C-alpha cells in the first residue's frame, strides 16, 4: 500500500465518523424510556469523541498531503431504542476493525507519528463498543 491509498482509507474513516456524529445526534434526541437514560448520557459523550475523531482524522489526512472528505454516508433512520443502539454498535464495531487495520497499515508505511495519532481513536472506539454491548446486554 502506498501513502495515497492510505489517505483514501483515512478519508473513508472520516466519512464514517461523520455518520457517527449525525447518527448519535438523532439517537440522543429520540431514544426514550427509563431503561435508556444512562446510555443516552454515554451516547452524548460518544458524540463529542466522534467529533474529536473526525478532527484528528482530518488533520492526519491534510498532514499526509490529502484533502479531508466532506461526504457523509447514508444514515439509516432508526430513532428508537434497542434497534438504534444495535445500529450504533454495528457502526462502532466496524470502525474498531478499520482503526485496527489503519494502525497496522501506518506502521507498515513507517508513519509512526500517524500511529500515535490513531491510537486514541482505537482505544475510545473500543470503549464505545464495550459501552454499547453492555447497554444491549451482550
N, C-alpha and C. Protein backbone atom coordinates (compact mmCIF):
# COMPACT_ATOMS: atom_id res chain seq x y z
N UNK A 1 0.83 -1.17 0.00
CA UNK A 1 0.00 0.00 0.00
C UNK A 1 0.88 1.24 0.00
N UNK A 2 0.47 2.24 -0.77
CA UNK A 2 1.21 3.49 -0.78
C UNK A 2 0.48 4.53 0.06
N UNK A 3 1.13 5.66 0.27
CA UNK A 3 0.58 6.69 1.14
C UNK A 3 -0.74 7.25 0.60
N UNK A 4 -0.86 7.38 -0.71
CA UNK A 4 -2.08 7.90 -1.32
C UNK A 4 -3.26 6.98 -1.04
N UNK A 5 -3.05 5.68 -1.14
CA UNK A 5 -4.11 4.71 -0.84
C UNK A 5 -4.48 4.77 0.64
N UNK A 6 -3.48 4.95 1.48
CA UNK A 6 -3.71 5.06 2.91
C UNK A 6 -4.57 6.29 3.21
N UNK A 7 -4.26 7.41 2.58
CA UNK A 7 -5.04 8.63 2.77
C UNK A 7 -6.49 8.40 2.33
N UNK A 8 -6.69 7.69 1.24
CA UNK A 8 -8.05 7.40 0.78
C UNK A 8 -8.82 6.60 1.84
N UNK A 9 -8.14 5.64 2.48
CA UNK A 9 -8.78 4.87 3.54
C UNK A 9 -9.08 5.75 4.76
N UNK A 10 -8.17 6.65 5.09
CA UNK A 10 -8.43 7.59 6.19
C UNK A 10 -9.64 8.46 5.88
N UNK A 11 -9.82 8.83 4.63
CA UNK A 11 -10.99 9.62 4.25
C UNK A 11 -12.28 8.81 4.42
N UNK A 12 -12.22 7.51 4.12
CA UNK A 12 -13.39 6.66 4.38
C UNK A 12 -13.68 6.60 5.88
N UNK A 13 -12.63 6.54 6.68
CA UNK A 13 -12.80 6.55 8.13
C UNK A 13 -13.43 7.87 8.58
N UNK A 14 -12.98 8.96 8.01
CA UNK A 14 -13.53 10.28 8.33
C UNK A 14 -15.03 10.33 8.00
N UNK A 15 -15.39 9.81 6.85
CA UNK A 15 -16.81 9.78 6.47
C UNK A 15 -17.62 8.95 7.45
N UNK A 16 -17.05 7.85 7.92
CA UNK A 16 -17.73 7.02 8.91
C UNK A 16 -17.93 7.79 10.22
N UNK A 17 -16.95 8.59 10.60
CA UNK A 17 -17.09 9.42 11.80
C UNK A 17 -18.19 10.46 11.61
N UNK A 18 -18.29 11.03 10.41
CA UNK A 18 -19.38 11.97 10.14
C UNK A 18 -20.73 11.28 10.32
N UNK A 19 -20.82 10.03 9.83
CA UNK A 19 -22.06 9.27 10.02
C UNK A 19 -22.34 9.10 11.51
N UNK A 20 -21.31 8.77 12.29
CA UNK A 20 -21.50 8.58 13.73
C UNK A 20 -22.04 9.84 14.38
N UNK A 21 -21.50 10.98 14.00
CA UNK A 21 -21.93 12.25 14.58
C UNK A 21 -23.43 12.47 14.33
N UNK A 22 -23.85 12.29 13.10
CA UNK A 22 -25.26 12.51 12.76
C UNK A 22 -26.14 11.45 13.43
N UNK A 23 -25.71 10.21 13.39
CA UNK A 23 -26.48 9.11 13.95
C UNK A 23 -26.66 9.29 15.47
N UNK A 24 -25.56 9.57 16.17
CA UNK A 24 -25.65 9.78 17.62
C UNK A 24 -26.50 11.00 17.95
N UNK A 25 -26.43 12.04 17.13
CA UNK A 25 -27.26 13.22 17.37
C UNK A 25 -28.73 12.84 17.35
N UNK A 26 -29.12 12.07 16.34
CA UNK A 26 -30.51 11.63 16.27
C UNK A 26 -30.86 10.74 17.45
N UNK A 27 -30.01 9.78 17.75
CA UNK A 27 -30.34 8.80 18.79
C UNK A 27 -30.42 9.43 20.18
N UNK A 28 -29.53 10.38 20.47
CA UNK A 28 -29.60 11.01 21.80
C UNK A 28 -30.88 11.83 21.96
N UNK A 29 -31.42 12.31 20.84
CA UNK A 29 -32.64 13.12 20.90
C UNK A 29 -33.92 12.29 20.86
N UNK A 30 -33.85 11.09 20.30
CA UNK A 30 -35.10 10.36 20.05
C UNK A 30 -35.29 9.08 20.86
N UNK A 31 -34.23 8.49 21.37
CA UNK A 31 -34.39 7.28 22.17
C UNK A 31 -35.04 7.67 23.48
N UNK A 32 -36.13 7.00 23.81
CA UNK A 32 -36.90 7.33 25.01
C UNK A 32 -37.03 6.10 25.90
N UNK A 33 -37.26 6.36 27.18
CA UNK A 33 -37.52 5.28 28.11
C UNK A 33 -36.51 5.26 29.24
N UNK A 34 -37.01 4.94 30.43
CA UNK A 34 -36.16 4.93 31.62
C UNK A 34 -34.98 3.97 31.46
N UNK A 35 -35.17 2.86 30.77
CA UNK A 35 -34.11 1.87 30.62
C UNK A 35 -32.95 2.39 29.78
N UNK A 36 -33.16 3.50 29.06
CA UNK A 36 -32.12 4.03 28.19
C UNK A 36 -31.45 5.29 28.73
N UNK A 37 -31.87 5.80 29.87
CA UNK A 37 -31.36 7.09 30.35
C UNK A 37 -29.85 7.10 30.54
N UNK A 38 -29.30 6.06 31.14
CA UNK A 38 -27.85 6.08 31.37
C UNK A 38 -27.08 5.95 30.06
N UNK A 39 -27.57 5.17 29.12
CA UNK A 39 -26.85 5.02 27.85
C UNK A 39 -26.97 6.30 27.01
N UNK A 40 -28.05 7.04 27.16
CA UNK A 40 -28.17 8.29 26.42
C UNK A 40 -27.06 9.25 26.84
N UNK A 41 -26.76 9.30 28.13
CA UNK A 41 -25.66 10.15 28.59
C UNK A 41 -24.33 9.66 28.02
N UNK A 42 -24.14 8.34 27.94
CA UNK A 42 -22.93 7.79 27.31
C UNK A 42 -22.85 8.16 25.84
N UNK A 43 -23.99 8.09 25.15
CA UNK A 43 -24.01 8.45 23.73
C UNK A 43 -23.62 9.91 23.52
N UNK A 44 -24.04 10.77 24.43
CA UNK A 44 -23.66 12.19 24.33
C UNK A 44 -22.14 12.34 24.47
N UNK A 45 -21.55 11.57 25.36
CA UNK A 45 -20.09 11.59 25.49
C UNK A 45 -19.44 11.02 24.22
N UNK A 46 -20.02 9.95 23.68
CA UNK A 46 -19.51 9.37 22.44
C UNK A 46 -19.56 10.40 21.32
N UNK A 47 -20.65 11.14 21.27
CA UNK A 47 -20.84 12.15 20.22
C UNK A 47 -19.70 13.15 20.22
N UNK A 48 -19.32 13.64 21.38
CA UNK A 48 -18.20 14.57 21.46
C UNK A 48 -16.90 13.91 21.03
N UNK A 49 -16.70 12.66 21.39
CA UNK A 49 -15.48 11.95 20.99
C UNK A 49 -15.47 11.70 19.50
N UNK A 50 -16.63 11.45 18.90
CA UNK A 50 -16.69 11.24 17.45
C UNK A 50 -16.25 12.50 16.71
N UNK A 51 -16.64 13.66 17.22
CA UNK A 51 -16.18 14.91 16.62
C UNK A 51 -14.67 15.04 16.75
N UNK A 52 -14.14 14.69 17.91
CA UNK A 52 -12.68 14.70 18.10
C UNK A 52 -12.00 13.74 17.12
N UNK A 53 -12.61 12.57 16.90
CA UNK A 53 -12.05 11.60 15.96
C UNK A 53 -12.02 12.19 14.55
N UNK A 54 -13.12 12.85 14.16
CA UNK A 54 -13.19 13.44 12.82
C UNK A 54 -12.10 14.50 12.65
N UNK A 55 -11.93 15.32 13.68
CA UNK A 55 -10.89 16.35 13.60
C UNK A 55 -9.49 15.74 13.50
N UNK A 56 -9.24 14.71 14.29
CA UNK A 56 -7.93 14.05 14.26
C UNK A 56 -7.67 13.43 12.89
N UNK A 57 -8.68 12.78 12.34
CA UNK A 57 -8.52 12.18 11.01
C UNK A 57 -8.28 13.24 9.95
N UNK A 58 -9.05 14.32 10.00
CA UNK A 58 -8.88 15.39 9.01
C UNK A 58 -7.47 15.97 9.08
N UNK A 59 -6.98 16.15 10.30
CA UNK A 59 -5.61 16.68 10.46
C UNK A 59 -4.57 15.73 9.89
N UNK A 60 -4.74 14.43 10.11
CA UNK A 60 -3.78 13.46 9.59
C UNK A 60 -3.84 13.40 8.06
N UNK A 61 -5.05 13.46 7.53
CA UNK A 61 -5.21 13.44 6.07
C UNK A 61 -4.49 14.64 5.45
N UNK A 62 -4.71 15.82 6.02
CA UNK A 62 -4.06 17.02 5.50
C UNK A 62 -2.55 16.94 5.68
N UNK A 63 -2.09 16.44 6.83
CA UNK A 63 -0.67 16.29 7.10
C UNK A 63 0.00 15.39 6.06
N UNK A 64 -0.73 14.37 5.62
CA UNK A 64 -0.18 13.42 4.64
C UNK A 64 -0.38 13.90 3.19
N UNK A 65 -0.87 15.11 3.02
CA UNK A 65 -0.99 15.69 1.68
C UNK A 65 -2.33 15.49 1.02
N UNK A 66 -3.31 14.98 1.75
CA UNK A 66 -4.63 14.78 1.19
C UNK A 66 -5.57 15.91 1.53
N UNK A 67 -6.78 15.80 1.02
CA UNK A 67 -7.85 16.75 1.31
C UNK A 67 -8.94 16.00 2.06
N UNK A 68 -9.26 16.43 3.27
CA UNK A 68 -10.29 15.73 4.03
C UNK A 68 -11.64 15.74 3.31
N UNK A 69 -12.29 14.61 3.33
CA UNK A 69 -13.59 14.45 2.70
C UNK A 69 -14.65 15.27 3.43
N UNK A 70 -15.69 15.63 2.72
CA UNK A 70 -16.86 16.25 3.32
C UNK A 70 -18.11 15.40 3.11
N UNK A 71 -17.93 14.20 2.60
CA UNK A 71 -19.05 13.31 2.31
C UNK A 71 -19.55 12.64 3.59
N UNK A 72 -20.86 12.55 3.69
CA UNK A 72 -21.49 11.84 4.80
C UNK A 72 -22.23 10.65 4.19
N UNK A 73 -21.88 9.44 4.60
CA UNK A 73 -22.57 8.27 4.07
C UNK A 73 -24.06 8.30 4.44
N UNK A 74 -24.84 7.56 3.71
CA UNK A 74 -26.26 7.46 4.03
C UNK A 74 -26.42 6.90 5.44
N UNK A 75 -27.37 7.46 6.16
CA UNK A 75 -27.59 7.08 7.56
C UNK A 75 -29.00 6.50 7.68
N UNK A 76 -29.09 5.25 8.16
CA UNK A 76 -30.42 4.67 8.35
C UNK A 76 -31.22 5.48 9.39
N UNK A 77 -32.50 5.61 9.17
CA UNK A 77 -33.38 6.34 10.08
C UNK A 77 -33.98 5.35 11.08
N UNK A 78 -33.29 5.17 12.19
CA UNK A 78 -33.72 4.22 13.22
C UNK A 78 -33.72 4.97 14.55
N UNK A 79 -34.82 5.68 14.85
CA UNK A 79 -34.80 6.57 16.01
C UNK A 79 -35.27 5.97 17.34
N UNK A 80 -35.38 4.64 17.45
CA UNK A 80 -35.90 4.17 18.72
C UNK A 80 -35.12 3.00 19.31
N UNK A 81 -34.93 3.07 20.61
CA UNK A 81 -34.48 2.03 21.49
C UNK A 81 -33.39 1.09 21.04
N UNK A 82 -33.66 -0.18 21.30
CA UNK A 82 -32.66 -1.22 21.10
C UNK A 82 -32.18 -1.31 19.65
N UNK A 83 -33.07 -1.08 18.70
CA UNK A 83 -32.68 -1.14 17.29
C UNK A 83 -31.66 -0.04 16.96
N UNK A 84 -31.86 1.15 17.52
CA UNK A 84 -30.92 2.25 17.30
C UNK A 84 -29.57 1.94 17.94
N UNK A 85 -29.62 1.40 19.16
CA UNK A 85 -28.37 1.05 19.84
C UNK A 85 -27.62 -0.05 19.10
N UNK A 86 -28.34 -0.99 18.53
CA UNK A 86 -27.69 -2.05 17.75
C UNK A 86 -27.03 -1.45 16.51
N UNK A 87 -27.69 -0.49 15.89
CA UNK A 87 -27.11 0.19 14.74
C UNK A 87 -25.82 0.91 15.15
N UNK A 88 -25.84 1.55 16.32
CA UNK A 88 -24.64 2.22 16.83
C UNK A 88 -23.53 1.21 17.10
N UNK A 89 -23.89 0.09 17.70
CA UNK A 89 -22.89 -0.95 17.98
C UNK A 89 -22.28 -1.48 16.69
N UNK A 90 -23.11 -1.74 15.71
CA UNK A 90 -22.60 -2.25 14.43
C UNK A 90 -21.62 -1.25 13.80
N UNK A 91 -21.96 0.03 13.86
CA UNK A 91 -21.08 1.05 13.29
C UNK A 91 -19.77 1.13 14.06
N UNK A 92 -19.85 1.15 15.38
CA UNK A 92 -18.63 1.24 16.20
C UNK A 92 -17.75 0.00 16.01
N UNK A 93 -18.37 -1.17 15.89
CA UNK A 93 -17.60 -2.40 15.70
C UNK A 93 -16.85 -2.35 14.37
N UNK A 94 -17.52 -1.86 13.34
CA UNK A 94 -16.86 -1.72 12.03
C UNK A 94 -15.73 -0.70 12.11
N UNK A 95 -15.95 0.40 12.82
CA UNK A 95 -14.90 1.40 12.96
C UNK A 95 -13.72 0.85 13.75
N UNK A 96 -14.00 0.07 14.77
CA UNK A 96 -12.91 -0.53 15.55
C UNK A 96 -12.03 -1.39 14.66
N UNK A 97 -12.63 -2.19 13.83
CA UNK A 97 -11.85 -3.03 12.92
C UNK A 97 -11.05 -2.17 11.93
N UNK A 98 -11.66 -1.11 11.44
CA UNK A 98 -10.96 -0.22 10.50
C UNK A 98 -9.76 0.42 11.17
N UNK A 99 -9.92 0.87 12.44
CA UNK A 99 -8.79 1.50 13.12
C UNK A 99 -7.69 0.50 13.42
N UNK A 100 -8.04 -0.73 13.72
CA UNK A 100 -7.01 -1.75 13.90
C UNK A 100 -6.20 -1.91 12.62
N UNK A 101 -6.91 -1.95 11.50
CA UNK A 101 -6.23 -2.07 10.20
C UNK A 101 -5.37 -0.84 9.93
N UNK A 102 -5.93 0.35 10.20
CA UNK A 102 -5.22 1.58 9.91
C UNK A 102 -3.93 1.70 10.72
N UNK A 103 -3.94 1.29 11.98
CA UNK A 103 -2.73 1.33 12.79
C UNK A 103 -1.67 0.43 12.17
N UNK A 104 -2.05 -0.78 11.78
CA UNK A 104 -1.12 -1.70 11.15
C UNK A 104 -0.57 -1.16 9.84
N UNK A 105 -1.45 -0.56 9.05
CA UNK A 105 -1.01 0.00 7.76
C UNK A 105 -0.05 1.17 7.96
N UNK A 106 -0.36 2.03 8.94
CA UNK A 106 0.53 3.16 9.21
C UNK A 106 1.90 2.66 9.66
N UNK A 107 1.92 1.59 10.46
CA UNK A 107 3.20 1.02 10.89
C UNK A 107 3.97 0.49 9.70
N UNK A 108 3.29 -0.21 8.79
CA UNK A 108 3.95 -0.75 7.60
C UNK A 108 4.52 0.36 6.74
N UNK A 109 3.85 1.51 6.71
CA UNK A 109 4.33 2.64 5.91
C UNK A 109 5.40 3.46 6.64
N UNK A 110 5.69 3.09 7.86
CA UNK A 110 6.69 3.82 8.63
C UNK A 110 6.19 5.15 9.17
N UNK A 111 4.88 5.29 9.27
CA UNK A 111 4.28 6.55 9.73
C UNK A 111 3.99 6.45 11.23
N UNK A 112 5.04 6.39 12.01
CA UNK A 112 4.89 6.16 13.45
C UNK A 112 4.17 7.31 14.15
N UNK A 113 4.33 8.52 13.64
CA UNK A 113 3.61 9.65 14.21
C UNK A 113 2.11 9.52 13.96
N UNK A 114 1.74 9.00 12.80
CA UNK A 114 0.33 8.78 12.49
C UNK A 114 -0.23 7.66 13.37
N UNK A 115 0.56 6.63 13.60
CA UNK A 115 0.15 5.55 14.50
C UNK A 115 -0.22 6.15 15.85
N UNK A 116 0.63 7.02 16.37
CA UNK A 116 0.37 7.61 17.69
C UNK A 116 -0.89 8.48 17.67
N UNK A 117 -1.16 9.13 16.56
CA UNK A 117 -2.37 9.95 16.44
C UNK A 117 -3.62 9.08 16.37
N UNK A 118 -3.49 7.86 15.84
CA UNK A 118 -4.65 6.96 15.69
C UNK A 118 -4.94 6.15 16.95
N UNK A 119 -3.95 5.95 17.80
CA UNK A 119 -4.15 5.11 18.99
C UNK A 119 -5.30 5.57 19.88
N UNK A 120 -5.45 6.87 20.16
CA UNK A 120 -6.60 7.28 20.99
C UNK A 120 -7.95 6.96 20.34
N UNK A 121 -8.02 7.07 19.02
CA UNK A 121 -9.26 6.74 18.32
C UNK A 121 -9.58 5.26 18.48
N UNK A 122 -8.55 4.45 18.36
CA UNK A 122 -8.71 3.00 18.53
C UNK A 122 -9.22 2.67 19.93
N UNK A 123 -8.59 3.24 20.94
CA UNK A 123 -8.97 2.96 22.33
C UNK A 123 -10.38 3.46 22.64
N UNK A 124 -10.70 4.67 22.23
CA UNK A 124 -12.03 5.20 22.50
C UNK A 124 -13.11 4.43 21.76
N UNK A 125 -12.81 4.01 20.56
CA UNK A 125 -13.78 3.22 19.79
C UNK A 125 -14.02 1.87 20.47
N UNK A 126 -12.97 1.26 20.98
CA UNK A 126 -13.14 0.02 21.74
C UNK A 126 -14.02 0.27 22.96
N UNK A 127 -13.81 1.38 23.64
CA UNK A 127 -14.64 1.74 24.79
C UNK A 127 -16.10 1.90 24.37
N UNK A 128 -16.34 2.51 23.22
CA UNK A 128 -17.71 2.69 22.73
C UNK A 128 -18.36 1.34 22.48
N UNK A 129 -17.62 0.43 21.87
CA UNK A 129 -18.15 -0.91 21.61
C UNK A 129 -18.53 -1.58 22.94
N UNK A 130 -17.66 -1.49 23.92
CA UNK A 130 -17.95 -2.13 25.21
C UNK A 130 -19.16 -1.48 25.89
N UNK A 131 -19.28 -0.16 25.82
CA UNK A 131 -20.44 0.53 26.40
C UNK A 131 -21.73 0.06 25.74
N UNK A 132 -21.73 0.00 24.43
CA UNK A 132 -22.94 -0.40 23.71
C UNK A 132 -23.26 -1.87 23.92
N UNK A 133 -22.25 -2.71 23.97
CA UNK A 133 -22.51 -4.13 24.28
C UNK A 133 -23.16 -4.25 25.65
N UNK A 134 -22.65 -3.50 26.63
CA UNK A 134 -23.24 -3.53 27.96
C UNK A 134 -24.68 -3.06 27.96
N UNK A 135 -24.95 -1.99 27.23
CA UNK A 135 -26.31 -1.46 27.17
C UNK A 135 -27.29 -2.44 26.52
N UNK A 136 -26.76 -3.23 25.60
CA UNK A 136 -27.61 -4.21 24.90
C UNK A 136 -27.59 -5.58 25.57
N UNK A 137 -26.86 -5.70 26.67
CA UNK A 137 -26.81 -6.97 27.39
C UNK A 137 -26.01 -8.04 26.67
N UNK A 138 -25.04 -7.62 25.87
CA UNK A 138 -24.23 -8.58 25.12
C UNK A 138 -22.93 -8.88 25.84
